[in-house]
Amino acid sequence: MTHLARGELDDLLTGLSLEHFEEVEEDSVTPRGKPKHWHVFHIVVRKG
């Protein structure tokens, strides 16, 4: 798992061809039972 802010993610994807981008946002709990608001990104890119 990689932890990045949205701006860091955008920088990381610079120069790549974006094939699929999906952001899932939800409220859940951590493994320790603490409430957390999650942003999970599902990304497929192509080099070149």
N, C-alpha and C. Protein backbone atom coordinates (compact mmCIF):
# COMPACT_ATOMS: atom_id res chain seq x y z
N MET A 1 0.85 -1.16 0.00
CA MET A 1 0.00 0.00 0.00
C MET A 1 0.90 1.23 0.00
N THR A 2 0.52 2.23 -0.77
CA THR A 2 1.25 3.49 -0.85
C THR A 2 0.33 4.61 -0.39
N HIS A 3 0.85 5.50 0.42
CA HIS A 3 0.06 6.61 0.94
C HIS A 3 0.53 7.90 0.27
N LEU A 4 -0.35 8.49 -0.54
CA LEU A 4 -0.03 9.73 -1.26
C LEU A 4 -1.20 10.69 -1.18
N ALA A 5 -0.91 11.98 -1.17
CA ALA A 5 -1.94 12.99 -1.33
C ALA A 5 -2.28 13.08 -2.82
N ARG A 6 -3.43 13.62 -3.15
CA ARG A 6 -3.87 13.68 -4.55
C ARG A 6 -2.86 14.42 -5.43
N GLY A 7 -2.29 15.52 -4.95
CA GLY A 7 -1.30 16.26 -5.71
C GLY A 7 -0.05 15.44 -5.98
N GLU A 8 0.38 14.67 -4.99
CA GLU A 8 1.54 13.80 -5.15
C GLU A 8 1.24 12.71 -6.19
N LEU A 9 0.02 12.21 -6.17
CA LEU A 9 -0.38 11.20 -7.14
C LEU A 9 -0.37 11.77 -8.55
N ASP A 10 -0.90 12.98 -8.71
CA ASP A 10 -0.90 13.63 -10.03
C ASP A 10 0.52 13.81 -10.54
N ASP A 11 1.44 14.22 -9.66
CA ASP A 11 2.84 14.38 -10.05
C ASP A 11 3.45 13.05 -10.48
N LEU A 12 3.12 11.99 -9.75
CA LEU A 12 3.65 10.67 -10.04
C LEU A 12 3.19 10.16 -11.42
N LEU A 13 1.98 10.56 -11.83
CA LEU A 13 1.42 10.08 -13.10
C LEU A 13 1.84 10.92 -14.31
N THR A 14 2.56 12.01 -14.08
CA THR A 14 3.00 12.87 -15.17
C THR A 14 3.83 12.08 -16.18
N GLY A 15 3.49 12.22 -17.45
CA GLY A 15 4.23 11.53 -18.50
C GLY A 15 3.72 10.15 -18.82
N LEU A 16 2.71 9.68 -18.09
CA LEU A 16 2.12 8.36 -18.34
C LEU A 16 0.75 8.53 -18.99
N SER A 17 0.35 7.56 -19.78
CA SER A 17 -0.95 7.57 -20.42
C SER A 17 -1.97 6.91 -19.50
N LEU A 18 -2.94 7.69 -19.05
CA LEU A 18 -3.94 7.20 -18.11
C LEU A 18 -4.99 6.35 -18.82
N GLU A 19 -5.08 5.08 -18.47
CA GLU A 19 -6.05 4.15 -19.07
C GLU A 19 -7.32 4.05 -18.22
N HIS A 20 -7.16 4.07 -16.89
CA HIS A 20 -8.30 3.95 -15.99
C HIS A 20 -7.98 4.68 -14.70
N PHE A 21 -8.92 5.48 -14.21
CA PHE A 21 -8.75 6.18 -12.94
C PHE A 21 -10.07 6.17 -12.21
N GLU A 22 -10.07 5.62 -11.02
CA GLU A 22 -11.29 5.56 -10.20
C GLU A 22 -10.91 5.89 -8.77
N GLU A 23 -11.65 6.81 -8.17
CA GLU A 23 -11.44 7.15 -6.76
C GLU A 23 -12.64 6.67 -5.97
N VAL A 24 -12.38 5.87 -4.95
CA VAL A 24 -13.43 5.38 -4.06
C VAL A 24 -13.26 6.11 -2.74
N GLU A 25 -14.31 6.77 -2.29
CA GLU A 25 -14.28 7.54 -1.06
C GLU A 25 -15.31 6.95 -0.11
N GLU A 26 -14.87 6.61 1.12
CA GLU A 26 -15.81 6.01 2.05
C GLU A 26 -15.38 6.24 3.49
N ASP A 27 -16.33 6.14 4.38
CA ASP A 27 -16.07 6.19 5.82
C ASP A 27 -16.08 4.76 6.33
N SER A 28 -15.07 4.41 7.10
CA SER A 28 -14.93 3.06 7.63
C SER A 28 -14.13 3.13 8.92
N VAL A 29 -13.54 2.04 9.31
CA VAL A 29 -12.71 2.01 10.52
C VAL A 29 -11.34 1.40 10.17
N THR A 30 -10.33 1.80 10.92
CA THR A 30 -8.99 1.23 10.75
C THR A 30 -8.98 -0.16 11.38
N PRO A 31 -7.92 -0.94 11.15
CA PRO A 31 -7.82 -2.25 11.79
C PRO A 31 -7.86 -2.17 13.32
N ARG A 32 -7.53 -1.00 13.86
CA ARG A 32 -7.57 -0.81 15.32
C ARG A 32 -8.93 -0.28 15.80
N GLY A 33 -9.88 -0.16 14.88
CA GLY A 33 -11.23 0.22 15.25
C GLY A 33 -11.51 1.71 15.30
N LYS A 34 -10.59 2.54 14.84
CA LYS A 34 -10.79 3.99 14.85
C LYS A 34 -11.47 4.43 13.56
N PRO A 35 -12.41 5.37 13.64
CA PRO A 35 -13.08 5.87 12.44
C PRO A 35 -12.08 6.55 11.50
N LYS A 36 -12.30 6.39 10.19
CA LYS A 36 -11.38 6.96 9.20
C LYS A 36 -12.15 7.22 7.92
N HIS A 37 -11.83 8.34 7.27
CA HIS A 37 -12.38 8.66 5.95
C HIS A 37 -11.32 8.29 4.93
N TRP A 38 -11.63 7.37 4.05
CA TRP A 38 -10.66 6.81 3.10
C TRP A 38 -10.87 7.35 1.70
N HIS A 39 -9.77 7.53 0.97
CA HIS A 39 -9.77 7.78 -0.48
C HIS A 39 -8.89 6.67 -1.05
N VAL A 40 -9.46 5.79 -1.84
CA VAL A 40 -8.71 4.70 -2.45
C VAL A 40 -8.75 4.92 -3.96
N PHE A 41 -7.57 4.89 -4.59
CA PHE A 41 -7.46 5.12 -6.02
C PHE A 41 -7.13 3.82 -6.73
N HIS A 42 -7.89 3.52 -7.77
CA HIS A 42 -7.64 2.36 -8.63
C HIS A 42 -7.17 2.96 -9.96
N ILE A 43 -5.92 2.66 -10.33
CA ILE A 43 -5.30 3.33 -11.47
C ILE A 43 -4.63 2.31 -12.39
N VAL A 44 -4.83 2.51 -13.69
CA VAL A 44 -4.10 1.74 -14.70
C VAL A 44 -3.49 2.77 -15.65
N VAL A 45 -2.16 2.70 -15.83
CA VAL A 45 -1.48 3.62 -16.73
C VAL A 45 -0.61 2.84 -17.71
N ARG A 46 -0.29 3.51 -18.80
CA ARG A 46 0.57 2.93 -19.80
C ARG A 46 1.79 3.85 -19.98
N LYS A 47 2.96 3.26 -19.98
CA LYS A 47 4.18 4.03 -20.16
C LYS A 47 4.32 4.40 -21.63
N GLY A 48 4.68 5.66 -21.88
CA GLY A 48 4.96 6.06 -23.26
C GLY A 48 3.90 6.77 -23.90
